[in-house]
Every structure is written in C-alpha cells, then in structure tokens.
Amino acid sequence: MNLKHLTLACAVVLAPMLTAAQQPQTAVTPEAGEMKEAFAPIAFMAGSCWDGPLPDFVSASTGLPPQTVSHCVRWRLENQVLTDTLRMDATTPPVQGESNYYWDAETKTLRYIFWSVDGRFSTGTVKAEGDTLIFDDERLFGRKGVVHFVTTWTPQGADVQRPDAFVQTRRRQNADGTWTHTATATFKRSELR
C-alpha cells in the first residue's frame, strides 16, 4: 500500500468519527427535585465521618492489627455529587480511596465509582429498600481480576433522618458462583475531618 492509498484509507475511517464528534451531543440533565429525591436515602451520611473496624477478612489476609476505617462524607459540586473519602491510617502508606455518588438521569439510577490509591476501582449502583441501602452490583477491578460484592448499610439510632450509626454487611461472590459473608461492622458518626 502506498502513501496515497494509506491516506485515503485513514480518511475513510476517520471521517465519520470526526463528523460525529462535531455534532452537538444531547445530554440528559437531572431535574432538581428528581436528584434530591434520588440522594435522600444516602444524604444522612453527608457532613460527618463514619468510623468502624477493619473487616476481619482484610486483617486476616493482610496480617494487619485491628484498626479503624474512616469514611468522611461531604457534598461537592453544588450538591450534585456526594463524596466519601476512605482512610485507614494503620498501614504504611495509609490506605486511601474515594467514592463519588452521582445521579444518572438517563437511567434514573444513583451510581458510584470508587478509586483507591493502589490502583483498584469499583463501580455500582445504590438503591433503598425501606431504610436499608443496597449496593447489589459492585464490581471491584483489581490485580486479581474482577470481584462482585453485595453490601448493605442499615442506619441505626432513634432519629431516622440523622442516625448515629449504620451497620454494614458485605458478601463476596466466589469463582464458583457461591457467596461468602465477608464482614459485618458498625460504623459510628463522628465530626467531619
């Protein structure tokens, strides 16, 4: 293939992409009331940190002593994103990560993406059944491939709008399709740090 033919082939392949890129994209913009309603089940987390124990399966697999895991949660981008900053200080370097919860107006779903400083990330959705939050399609992408988790958060305390704590229960899907209970822990509200 000579240069003339290569140039023509590139033009044929790239022209439709360039034309599509120049077309205005239609974005689905969430309605303010719709977004507020979508975040309502998880909004109690905002403005506080939530401290709980390192799950037993992490301690056992890493040899770490018992320690506290902190989730500090705040609103960002004019209350359109809820950010949960995760920190575990007992490791060197500390384990850190961040989840961003956002409203997907196109699919009408509250979604999140989590990034960890060690290169892992996960994605999923959040839904509410009564007071319980359900993360039933988390996919964690890491060095060992993709792992599927199902997690629930159940608020605890007398004030339903501002609970003192939540109980987290987590299960992991095994390679054979069965599920293993990996952790149950209570996270208690503390001042935002």
N, C-alpha and C. Protein backbone atom coordinates (compact mmCIF):
# COMPACT_ATOMS: atom_id res chain seq x y z
N MET A 1 0.86 -1.17 0.00
CA MET A 1 0.00 0.00 0.00
C MET A 1 0.90 1.23 0.00
N ASN A 2 0.67 2.14 -0.95
CA ASN A 2 1.49 3.35 -0.98
C ASN A 2 0.87 4.43 -0.09
N LEU A 3 1.57 5.56 0.04
CA LEU A 3 1.15 6.64 0.92
C LEU A 3 -0.21 7.20 0.52
N LYS A 4 -0.47 7.30 -0.78
CA LYS A 4 -1.75 7.84 -1.26
C LYS A 4 -2.90 6.95 -0.80
N HIS A 5 -2.73 5.62 -0.94
CA HIS A 5 -3.78 4.69 -0.52
C HIS A 5 -3.97 4.70 0.99
N LEU A 6 -2.85 4.81 1.75
CA LEU A 6 -2.92 4.86 3.20
C LEU A 6 -3.67 6.11 3.66
N THR A 7 -3.39 7.24 3.04
CA THR A 7 -4.06 8.49 3.37
C THR A 7 -5.56 8.38 3.10
N LEU A 8 -5.92 7.81 1.96
CA LEU A 8 -7.32 7.64 1.59
C LEU A 8 -8.02 6.70 2.58
N ALA A 9 -7.36 5.61 2.97
CA ALA A 9 -7.95 4.66 3.92
C ALA A 9 -8.19 5.33 5.27
N CYS A 10 -7.22 6.13 5.74
CA CYS A 10 -7.38 6.84 7.01
C CYS A 10 -8.54 7.83 6.94
N ALA A 11 -8.66 8.53 5.82
CA ALA A 11 -9.74 9.50 5.65
C ALA A 11 -11.10 8.81 5.69
N VAL A 12 -11.21 7.65 5.06
CA VAL A 12 -12.47 6.91 5.04
C VAL A 12 -12.84 6.44 6.45
N VAL A 13 -11.85 6.00 7.22
CA VAL A 13 -12.11 5.51 8.57
C VAL A 13 -12.39 6.66 9.54
N LEU A 14 -11.62 7.75 9.45
CA LEU A 14 -11.73 8.84 10.42
C LEU A 14 -12.85 9.83 10.13
N ALA A 15 -13.26 9.98 8.90
CA ALA A 15 -14.27 10.99 8.55
C ALA A 15 -15.57 10.83 9.35
N PRO A 16 -16.14 9.63 9.43
CA PRO A 16 -17.37 9.51 10.21
C PRO A 16 -17.18 9.85 11.68
N MET A 17 -16.00 9.52 12.25
CA MET A 17 -15.74 9.83 13.65
C MET A 17 -15.64 11.33 13.86
N LEU A 18 -14.96 12.02 12.96
CA LEU A 18 -14.82 13.46 13.08
C LEU A 18 -16.17 14.15 12.91
N THR A 19 -16.97 13.68 11.99
CA THR A 19 -18.29 14.25 11.79
C THR A 19 -19.15 14.06 13.03
N ALA A 20 -19.11 12.86 13.62
CA ALA A 20 -19.89 12.58 14.83
C ALA A 20 -19.42 13.45 15.99
N ALA A 21 -18.11 13.67 16.07
CA ALA A 21 -17.57 14.48 17.16
C ALA A 21 -18.00 15.93 17.05
N GLN A 22 -18.27 16.40 15.83
CA GLN A 22 -18.67 17.78 15.63
C GLN A 22 -20.16 18.00 15.88
N GLN A 23 -20.94 16.92 15.90
CA GLN A 23 -22.38 17.04 16.13
C GLN A 23 -22.64 17.38 17.60
N PRO A 24 -23.62 18.25 17.86
CA PRO A 24 -23.93 18.54 19.26
C PRO A 24 -24.47 17.29 19.95
N GLN A 25 -23.98 17.05 21.17
CA GLN A 25 -24.41 15.89 21.94
C GLN A 25 -25.60 16.29 22.81
N THR A 26 -26.60 15.43 22.88
CA THR A 26 -27.73 15.71 23.74
C THR A 26 -27.47 15.08 25.10
N ALA A 27 -27.50 15.86 26.13
CA ALA A 27 -27.26 15.37 27.48
C ALA A 27 -28.59 15.35 28.24
N VAL A 28 -28.73 14.38 29.08
CA VAL A 28 -29.91 14.30 29.93
C VAL A 28 -29.56 15.01 31.22
N THR A 29 -30.24 16.10 31.50
CA THR A 29 -29.99 16.88 32.70
C THR A 29 -31.00 16.51 33.77
N PRO A 30 -30.54 16.21 34.97
CA PRO A 30 -31.49 15.83 36.01
C PRO A 30 -32.30 17.02 36.49
N GLU A 31 -33.53 16.76 36.82
CA GLU A 31 -34.36 17.78 37.45
C GLU A 31 -33.92 17.90 38.91
N ALA A 32 -33.98 19.11 39.46
CA ALA A 32 -33.51 19.33 40.83
C ALA A 32 -34.27 18.46 41.83
N GLY A 33 -35.58 18.38 41.71
CA GLY A 33 -36.37 17.57 42.64
C GLY A 33 -36.07 16.09 42.50
N GLU A 34 -35.87 15.65 41.26
CA GLU A 34 -35.55 14.24 40.98
C GLU A 34 -34.22 13.86 41.64
N MET A 35 -33.23 14.74 41.53
CA MET A 35 -31.91 14.47 42.09
C MET A 35 -31.98 14.45 43.62
N LYS A 36 -32.69 15.41 44.19
CA LYS A 36 -32.81 15.47 45.65
C LYS A 36 -33.47 14.20 46.17
N GLU A 37 -34.50 13.75 45.51
CA GLU A 37 -35.19 12.52 45.90
C GLU A 37 -34.27 11.30 45.77
N ALA A 38 -33.47 11.27 44.72
CA ALA A 38 -32.56 10.14 44.50
C ALA A 38 -31.51 10.04 45.59
N PHE A 39 -31.00 11.18 46.06
CA PHE A 39 -29.97 11.19 47.09
C PHE A 39 -30.53 11.05 48.50
N ALA A 40 -31.84 11.19 48.67
CA ALA A 40 -32.45 11.20 50.01
C ALA A 40 -32.03 10.02 50.89
N PRO A 41 -32.01 8.77 50.39
CA PRO A 41 -31.66 7.66 51.28
C PRO A 41 -30.22 7.69 51.80
N ILE A 42 -29.33 8.33 51.06
CA ILE A 42 -27.91 8.33 51.45
C ILE A 42 -27.45 9.69 51.99
N ALA A 43 -28.31 10.69 51.93
CA ALA A 43 -27.94 12.04 52.34
C ALA A 43 -27.56 12.15 53.82
N PHE A 44 -28.06 11.23 54.66
CA PHE A 44 -27.73 11.28 56.10
C PHE A 44 -26.23 11.15 56.34
N MET A 45 -25.49 10.58 55.39
CA MET A 45 -24.05 10.39 55.55
C MET A 45 -23.28 11.71 55.49
N ALA A 46 -23.83 12.69 54.75
CA ALA A 46 -23.10 13.93 54.47
C ALA A 46 -22.85 14.75 55.73
N GLY A 47 -21.69 15.39 55.75
CA GLY A 47 -21.34 16.30 56.84
C GLY A 47 -20.78 15.61 58.07
N SER A 48 -20.44 14.32 57.94
CA SER A 48 -19.91 13.56 59.08
C SER A 48 -18.86 12.58 58.59
N CYS A 49 -18.08 12.10 59.55
CA CYS A 49 -17.22 10.95 59.30
C CYS A 49 -17.89 9.76 59.98
N TRP A 50 -17.59 8.58 59.49
CA TRP A 50 -18.16 7.34 60.00
C TRP A 50 -17.01 6.38 60.25
N ASP A 51 -16.82 6.02 61.52
CA ASP A 51 -15.66 5.22 61.92
C ASP A 51 -16.10 3.83 62.34
N GLY A 52 -15.41 2.83 61.80
CA GLY A 52 -15.73 1.45 62.14
C GLY A 52 -14.49 0.59 62.03
N PRO A 53 -14.61 -0.68 62.41
CA PRO A 53 -13.44 -1.57 62.42
C PRO A 53 -13.08 -2.07 61.02
N LEU A 54 -11.80 -2.36 60.86
CA LEU A 54 -11.33 -3.03 59.65
C LEU A 54 -11.97 -4.40 59.59
N PRO A 55 -12.56 -4.79 58.47
CA PRO A 55 -13.19 -6.12 58.40
C PRO A 55 -12.20 -7.24 58.70
N ASP A 56 -12.68 -8.28 59.37
CA ASP A 56 -11.83 -9.42 59.75
C ASP A 56 -11.11 -10.04 58.56
N PHE A 57 -11.80 -10.15 57.40
CA PHE A 57 -11.17 -10.80 56.26
C PHE A 57 -9.99 -10.00 55.74
N VAL A 58 -10.02 -8.66 55.91
CA VAL A 58 -8.88 -7.84 55.48
C VAL A 58 -7.73 -8.03 56.46
N SER A 59 -8.04 -8.02 57.76
CA SER A 59 -6.99 -8.24 58.78
C SER A 59 -6.31 -9.58 58.57
N ALA A 60 -7.12 -10.62 58.34
CA ALA A 60 -6.57 -11.97 58.17
C ALA A 60 -5.70 -12.08 56.92
N SER A 61 -6.14 -11.46 55.83
CA SER A 61 -5.40 -11.61 54.57
C SER A 61 -4.16 -10.72 54.51
N THR A 62 -4.15 -9.63 55.28
CA THR A 62 -3.01 -8.71 55.23
C THR A 62 -2.12 -8.78 56.46
N GLY A 63 -2.60 -9.44 57.52
CA GLY A 63 -1.82 -9.51 58.75
C GLY A 63 -1.86 -8.22 59.54
N LEU A 64 -2.80 -7.31 59.22
CA LEU A 64 -2.88 -6.04 59.94
C LEU A 64 -3.56 -6.22 61.29
N PRO A 65 -3.14 -5.44 62.28
CA PRO A 65 -3.81 -5.49 63.58
C PRO A 65 -5.17 -4.80 63.47
N PRO A 66 -6.06 -4.97 64.46
CA PRO A 66 -7.34 -4.26 64.45
C PRO A 66 -7.10 -2.76 64.33
N GLN A 67 -7.92 -2.11 63.54
CA GLN A 67 -7.78 -0.68 63.35
C GLN A 67 -9.09 -0.08 62.87
N THR A 68 -9.12 1.23 62.82
CA THR A 68 -10.33 1.95 62.43
C THR A 68 -10.26 2.34 60.95
N VAL A 69 -11.38 2.16 60.30
CA VAL A 69 -11.57 2.63 58.93
C VAL A 69 -12.50 3.83 59.02
N SER A 70 -12.16 4.92 58.35
CA SER A 70 -12.99 6.13 58.38
C SER A 70 -13.53 6.45 57.01
N HIS A 71 -14.82 6.78 56.97
CA HIS A 71 -15.47 7.30 55.76
C HIS A 71 -15.90 8.72 56.10
N CYS A 72 -15.32 9.73 55.46
CA CYS A 72 -15.71 11.12 55.69
C CYS A 72 -16.46 11.60 54.44
N VAL A 73 -17.70 12.05 54.65
CA VAL A 73 -18.63 12.27 53.55
C VAL A 73 -19.05 13.72 53.47
N ARG A 74 -18.96 14.29 52.27
CA ARG A 74 -19.36 15.70 52.07
C ARG A 74 -19.95 15.88 50.68
N TRP A 75 -20.78 16.91 50.58
CA TRP A 75 -21.35 17.28 49.28
C TRP A 75 -20.31 18.02 48.46
N ARG A 76 -20.34 17.84 47.15
CA ARG A 76 -19.45 18.55 46.23
C ARG A 76 -20.26 19.01 45.03
N LEU A 77 -19.70 19.92 44.28
CA LEU A 77 -20.27 20.40 43.02
C LEU A 77 -21.74 20.79 43.17
N GLU A 78 -21.97 21.74 44.11
CA GLU A 78 -23.31 22.27 44.36
C GLU A 78 -24.32 21.15 44.65
N ASN A 79 -23.92 20.23 45.49
CA ASN A 79 -24.76 19.11 45.95
C ASN A 79 -25.20 18.17 44.83
N GLN A 80 -24.40 18.07 43.80
CA GLN A 80 -24.70 17.13 42.72
C GLN A 80 -23.90 15.84 42.86
N VAL A 81 -22.87 15.86 43.70
CA VAL A 81 -22.04 14.68 43.93
C VAL A 81 -21.81 14.56 45.44
N LEU A 82 -21.96 13.35 45.96
CA LEU A 82 -21.66 13.08 47.35
C LEU A 82 -20.35 12.30 47.37
N THR A 83 -19.34 12.84 48.06
CA THR A 83 -18.01 12.24 48.07
C THR A 83 -17.72 11.61 49.42
N ASP A 84 -17.29 10.36 49.39
CA ASP A 84 -16.93 9.59 50.58
C ASP A 84 -15.43 9.29 50.50
N THR A 85 -14.66 9.92 51.40
CA THR A 85 -13.22 9.72 51.43
C THR A 85 -12.90 8.64 52.47
N LEU A 86 -12.28 7.57 52.02
CA LEU A 86 -11.94 6.41 52.86
C LEU A 86 -10.49 6.53 53.30
N ARG A 87 -10.24 6.21 54.58
CA ARG A 87 -8.85 6.26 55.06
C ARG A 87 -8.66 5.20 56.14
N MET A 88 -7.51 4.52 56.07
CA MET A 88 -7.07 3.56 57.05
C MET A 88 -5.63 3.93 57.40
N ASP A 89 -5.42 4.51 58.57
CA ASP A 89 -4.11 5.08 58.90
C ASP A 89 -3.07 4.10 59.41
N ALA A 90 -3.46 2.91 59.82
CA ALA A 90 -2.51 1.99 60.46
C ALA A 90 -1.55 1.33 59.47
N THR A 91 -1.77 1.51 58.19
CA THR A 91 -0.88 0.91 57.20
C THR A 91 0.16 1.94 56.75
N THR A 92 1.26 1.48 56.19
CA THR A 92 2.28 2.36 55.64
C THR A 92 2.50 2.00 54.19
N PRO A 93 2.15 2.84 53.24
CA PRO A 93 1.44 4.10 53.44
C PRO A 93 -0.02 3.84 53.79
N PRO A 94 -0.74 4.85 54.31
CA PRO A 94 -2.15 4.67 54.65
C PRO A 94 -2.96 4.27 53.41
N VAL A 95 -3.97 3.42 53.62
CA VAL A 95 -4.89 3.07 52.54
C VAL A 95 -5.85 4.23 52.39
N GLN A 96 -6.01 4.70 51.16
CA GLN A 96 -6.91 5.81 50.90
C GLN A 96 -7.71 5.54 49.64
N GLY A 97 -8.90 6.08 49.61
CA GLY A 97 -9.73 5.95 48.43
C GLY A 97 -10.85 6.95 48.47
N GLU A 98 -11.59 7.03 47.39
CA GLU A 98 -12.68 7.98 47.33
C GLU A 98 -13.80 7.42 46.47
N SER A 99 -15.03 7.51 47.01
CA SER A 99 -16.23 7.15 46.26
C SER A 99 -16.97 8.43 45.92
N ASN A 100 -17.44 8.52 44.69
CA ASN A 100 -18.29 9.63 44.29
C ASN A 100 -19.63 9.07 43.86
N TYR A 101 -20.69 9.51 44.56
CA TYR A 101 -22.05 9.10 44.26
C TYR A 101 -22.68 10.18 43.39
N TYR A 102 -23.33 9.78 42.33
CA TYR A 102 -23.94 10.75 41.42
C TYR A 102 -25.22 10.19 40.83
N TRP A 103 -26.11 11.09 40.40
CA TRP A 103 -27.39 10.71 39.82
C TRP A 103 -27.24 10.59 38.31
N ASP A 104 -27.56 9.41 37.79
CA ASP A 104 -27.55 9.17 36.35
C ASP A 104 -28.98 9.41 35.86
N ALA A 105 -29.22 10.59 35.31
CA ALA A 105 -30.58 10.98 34.91
C ALA A 105 -31.10 10.14 33.75
N GLU A 106 -30.20 9.64 32.92
CA GLU A 106 -30.63 8.85 31.77
C GLU A 106 -31.23 7.51 32.21
N THR A 107 -30.59 6.85 33.17
CA THR A 107 -31.08 5.54 33.63
C THR A 107 -31.89 5.65 34.92
N LYS A 108 -31.98 6.88 35.47
CA LYS A 108 -32.72 7.10 36.73
C LYS A 108 -32.15 6.23 37.85
N THR A 109 -30.81 6.28 37.98
CA THR A 109 -30.11 5.42 38.93
C THR A 109 -29.09 6.24 39.72
N LEU A 110 -29.00 5.98 41.02
CA LEU A 110 -27.93 6.56 41.83
C LEU A 110 -26.73 5.63 41.68
N ARG A 111 -25.64 6.16 41.13
CA ARG A 111 -24.45 5.36 40.84
C ARG A 111 -23.26 5.87 41.65
N TYR A 112 -22.22 5.05 41.69
CA TYR A 112 -20.98 5.49 42.32
C TYR A 112 -19.80 4.88 41.60
N ILE A 113 -18.67 5.54 41.79
CA ILE A 113 -17.39 4.98 41.35
C ILE A 113 -16.40 5.22 42.48
N PHE A 114 -15.61 4.19 42.80
CA PHE A 114 -14.63 4.25 43.87
C PHE A 114 -13.24 4.08 43.26
N TRP A 115 -12.31 4.92 43.71
CA TRP A 115 -10.91 4.78 43.31
C TRP A 115 -10.07 4.61 44.56
N SER A 116 -9.05 3.76 44.48
CA SER A 116 -8.12 3.56 45.58
C SER A 116 -6.73 3.97 45.13
N VAL A 117 -5.91 4.44 46.07
CA VAL A 117 -4.56 4.86 45.71
C VAL A 117 -3.72 3.70 45.20
N ASP A 118 -4.14 2.47 45.48
CA ASP A 118 -3.36 1.33 45.00
C ASP A 118 -3.75 0.90 43.58
N GLY A 119 -4.61 1.67 42.93
CA GLY A 119 -4.95 1.38 41.54
C GLY A 119 -6.25 0.63 41.34
N ARG A 120 -6.84 0.12 42.42
CA ARG A 120 -8.13 -0.56 42.27
C ARG A 120 -9.26 0.46 42.12
N PHE A 121 -10.34 0.04 41.48
CA PHE A 121 -11.53 0.87 41.43
C PHE A 121 -12.75 -0.03 41.36
N SER A 122 -13.89 0.52 41.75
CA SER A 122 -15.13 -0.25 41.64
C SER A 122 -16.25 0.67 41.20
N THR A 123 -17.28 0.06 40.64
CA THR A 123 -18.45 0.78 40.19
C THR A 123 -19.68 0.03 40.65
N GLY A 124 -20.80 0.74 40.74
CA GLY A 124 -22.04 0.09 41.12
C GLY A 124 -23.16 1.09 41.27
N THR A 125 -24.26 0.60 41.78
CA THR A 125 -25.45 1.43 42.00
C THR A 125 -25.90 1.27 43.44
N VAL A 126 -26.72 2.24 43.88
CA VAL A 126 -27.27 2.23 45.22
C VAL A 126 -28.79 2.32 45.10
N LYS A 127 -29.49 1.50 45.85
CA LYS A 127 -30.94 1.63 45.92
C LYS A 127 -31.36 1.44 47.37
N ALA A 128 -32.55 1.91 47.69
CA ALA A 128 -33.05 1.80 49.05
C ALA A 128 -34.23 0.83 49.10
N GLU A 129 -34.23 0.01 50.13
CA GLU A 129 -35.39 -0.82 50.46
C GLU A 129 -35.71 -0.50 51.91
N GLY A 130 -36.76 0.31 52.11
CA GLY A 130 -37.03 0.83 53.45
C GLY A 130 -35.89 1.75 53.84
N ASP A 131 -35.33 1.54 55.03
CA ASP A 131 -34.20 2.36 55.49
C ASP A 131 -32.85 1.79 55.06
N THR A 132 -32.83 0.59 54.50
CA THR A 132 -31.58 -0.08 54.15
C THR A 132 -31.11 0.31 52.76
N LEU A 133 -29.84 0.65 52.66
CA LEU A 133 -29.21 0.94 51.37
C LEU A 133 -28.60 -0.35 50.84
N ILE A 134 -28.82 -0.61 49.56
CA ILE A 134 -28.33 -1.85 48.96
C ILE A 134 -27.41 -1.52 47.79
N PHE A 135 -26.20 -2.03 47.87
CA PHE A 135 -25.20 -1.92 46.81
C PHE A 135 -25.08 -3.34 46.26
N ASP A 136 -25.93 -3.69 45.29
CA ASP A 136 -26.01 -5.10 44.90
C ASP A 136 -25.28 -5.46 43.62
N ASP A 137 -24.59 -4.51 43.04
CA ASP A 137 -23.87 -4.84 41.80
C ASP A 137 -22.49 -4.22 41.75
N GLU A 138 -21.81 -4.21 42.91
CA GLU A 138 -20.45 -3.65 42.93
C GLU A 138 -19.49 -4.58 42.22
N ARG A 139 -18.71 -4.00 41.32
CA ARG A 139 -17.65 -4.72 40.62
C ARG A 139 -16.33 -4.04 40.99
N LEU A 140 -15.47 -4.79 41.70
CA LEU A 140 -14.17 -4.27 42.10
C LEU A 140 -13.14 -4.78 41.10
N PHE A 141 -12.46 -3.84 40.43
CA PHE A 141 -11.46 -4.17 39.43
C PHE A 141 -10.08 -3.99 40.07
N GLY A 142 -9.33 -5.09 40.17
CA GLY A 142 -8.03 -5.03 40.81
C GLY A 142 -7.05 -5.97 40.14
N ARG A 143 -5.92 -6.18 40.81
CA ARG A 143 -4.85 -7.02 40.25
C ARG A 143 -5.27 -8.47 40.04
N LYS A 144 -6.24 -8.94 40.83
CA LYS A 144 -6.68 -10.33 40.71
C LYS A 144 -7.92 -10.47 39.84
N GLY A 145 -8.23 -9.46 39.06
CA GLY A 145 -9.41 -9.51 38.20
C GLY A 145 -10.58 -8.76 38.81
N VAL A 146 -11.78 -9.18 38.45
CA VAL A 146 -12.99 -8.51 38.89
C VAL A 146 -13.68 -9.35 39.96
N VAL A 147 -14.05 -8.69 41.06
CA VAL A 147 -14.76 -9.36 42.15
C VAL A 147 -16.11 -8.66 42.33
N HIS A 148 -17.17 -9.45 42.47
CA HIS A 148 -18.52 -8.93 42.66
C HIS A 148 -18.86 -8.96 44.15
N PHE A 149 -19.33 -7.81 44.67
CA PHE A 149 -19.75 -7.70 46.07
C PHE A 149 -21.21 -7.28 46.14
N VAL A 150 -21.87 -7.65 47.22
CA VAL A 150 -23.17 -7.11 47.60
C VAL A 150 -23.03 -6.59 49.02
N THR A 151 -23.35 -5.31 49.22
CA THR A 151 -23.20 -4.67 50.52
C THR A 151 -24.51 -4.02 50.91
N THR A 152 -24.83 -4.04 52.21
CA THR A 152 -25.98 -3.29 52.70
C THR A 152 -25.52 -2.38 53.83
N TRP A 153 -26.15 -1.22 53.93
CA TRP A 153 -25.95 -0.30 55.04
C TRP A 153 -27.31 -0.08 55.67
N THR A 154 -27.44 -0.38 56.96
CA THR A 154 -28.70 -0.19 57.66
C THR A 154 -28.50 0.84 58.76
N PRO A 155 -29.12 2.04 58.63
CA PRO A 155 -28.97 3.08 59.65
C PRO A 155 -29.47 2.60 61.01
N GLN A 156 -28.80 3.06 62.08
CA GLN A 156 -29.16 2.71 63.46
C GLN A 156 -29.31 3.99 64.27
N GLY A 157 -30.26 4.01 65.18
CA GLY A 157 -30.45 5.15 66.07
C GLY A 157 -31.89 5.60 66.08
N ALA A 158 -32.22 6.44 67.06
CA ALA A 158 -33.60 6.89 67.25
C ALA A 158 -34.05 7.85 66.15
N ASP A 159 -33.15 8.67 65.65
CA ASP A 159 -33.51 9.68 64.64
C ASP A 159 -33.27 9.10 63.25
N VAL A 160 -34.34 8.79 62.54
CA VAL A 160 -34.23 8.18 61.21
C VAL A 160 -33.57 9.14 60.22
N GLN A 161 -33.80 10.45 60.37
CA GLN A 161 -33.22 11.44 59.46
C GLN A 161 -31.73 11.66 59.72
N ARG A 162 -31.31 11.46 60.97
CA ARG A 162 -29.89 11.66 61.33
C ARG A 162 -29.45 10.53 62.27
N PRO A 163 -29.27 9.32 61.75
CA PRO A 163 -28.89 8.20 62.60
C PRO A 163 -27.47 8.36 63.16
N ASP A 164 -27.23 7.71 64.31
CA ASP A 164 -25.92 7.77 64.98
C ASP A 164 -24.91 6.82 64.35
N ALA A 165 -25.41 5.79 63.65
CA ALA A 165 -24.53 4.74 63.15
C ALA A 165 -25.22 4.01 62.00
N PHE A 166 -24.45 3.18 61.32
CA PHE A 166 -25.04 2.25 60.37
C PHE A 166 -24.28 0.93 60.44
N VAL A 167 -25.01 -0.15 60.18
CA VAL A 167 -24.40 -1.48 60.17
C VAL A 167 -24.16 -1.86 58.71
N GLN A 168 -22.92 -2.20 58.42
CA GLN A 168 -22.53 -2.62 57.07
C GLN A 168 -22.38 -4.14 57.05
N THR A 169 -23.04 -4.77 56.09
CA THR A 169 -22.90 -6.21 55.88
C THR A 169 -22.42 -6.41 54.45
N ARG A 170 -21.44 -7.27 54.28
CA ARG A 170 -20.84 -7.43 52.95
C ARG A 170 -20.68 -8.91 52.61
N ARG A 171 -20.98 -9.23 51.33
CA ARG A 171 -20.77 -10.58 50.80
C ARG A 171 -19.98 -10.47 49.50
N ARG A 172 -19.16 -11.50 49.24
CA ARG A 172 -18.33 -11.55 48.02
C ARG A 172 -18.71 -12.80 47.24
N GLN A 173 -18.79 -12.66 45.91
CA GLN A 173 -19.08 -13.82 45.08
C GLN A 173 -17.79 -14.58 44.81
N ASN A 174 -17.84 -15.88 44.99
CA ASN A 174 -16.68 -16.74 44.74
C ASN A 174 -16.62 -17.12 43.26
N ALA A 175 -15.50 -17.67 42.85
CA ALA A 175 -15.30 -18.06 41.45
C ALA A 175 -16.34 -19.08 40.98
N ASP A 176 -16.85 -19.92 41.91
CA ASP A 176 -17.83 -20.94 41.53
C ASP A 176 -19.27 -20.41 41.55
N GLY A 177 -19.45 -19.10 41.80
CA GLY A 177 -20.78 -18.50 41.81
C GLY A 177 -21.45 -18.46 43.17
N THR A 178 -20.89 -19.16 44.17
CA THR A 178 -21.45 -19.11 45.52
C THR A 178 -21.03 -17.80 46.19
N TRP A 179 -21.64 -17.51 47.34
CA TRP A 179 -21.37 -16.26 48.04
C TRP A 179 -20.77 -16.55 49.41
N THR A 180 -19.85 -15.68 49.84
CA THR A 180 -19.23 -15.78 51.16
C THR A 180 -19.48 -14.48 51.92
N HIS A 181 -19.99 -14.62 53.14
CA HIS A 181 -20.15 -13.45 54.02
C HIS A 181 -18.75 -13.02 54.44
N THR A 182 -18.40 -11.75 54.17
CA THR A 182 -17.04 -11.30 54.46
C THR A 182 -16.94 -10.35 55.64
N ALA A 183 -18.03 -9.66 55.98
CA ALA A 183 -17.92 -8.70 57.08
C ALA A 183 -19.28 -8.19 57.52
N THR A 184 -19.37 -7.92 58.83
CA THR A 184 -20.46 -7.14 59.40
C THR A 184 -19.79 -6.20 60.39
N ALA A 185 -20.05 -4.91 60.25
CA ALA A 185 -19.40 -3.94 61.12
C ALA A 185 -20.33 -2.77 61.36
N THR A 186 -20.20 -2.15 62.51
CA THR A 186 -20.98 -0.94 62.83
C THR A 186 -20.07 0.27 62.70
N PHE A 187 -20.52 1.24 61.91
CA PHE A 187 -19.80 2.50 61.73
C PHE A 187 -20.55 3.58 62.48
N LYS A 188 -19.82 4.33 63.34
CA LYS A 188 -20.45 5.35 64.18
C LYS A 188 -20.11 6.74 63.67
N ARG A 189 -21.11 7.63 63.79
CA ARG A 189 -20.94 9.02 63.35
C ARG A 189 -19.93 9.75 64.21
N SER A 190 -19.07 10.56 63.58
CA SER A 190 -18.14 11.45 64.30
C SER A 190 -18.05 12.77 63.52
N GLU A 191 -17.32 13.71 64.07
CA GLU A 191 -17.17 15.01 63.43
C GLU A 191 -16.45 14.88 62.09
N LEU A 192 -16.85 15.72 61.13
CA LEU A 192 -16.20 15.74 59.82
C LEU A 192 -14.77 16.21 59.96
N ARG A 193 -13.83 15.47 59.36
CA ARG A 193 -12.41 15.82 59.44
C ARG A 193 -11.89 16.11 58.05
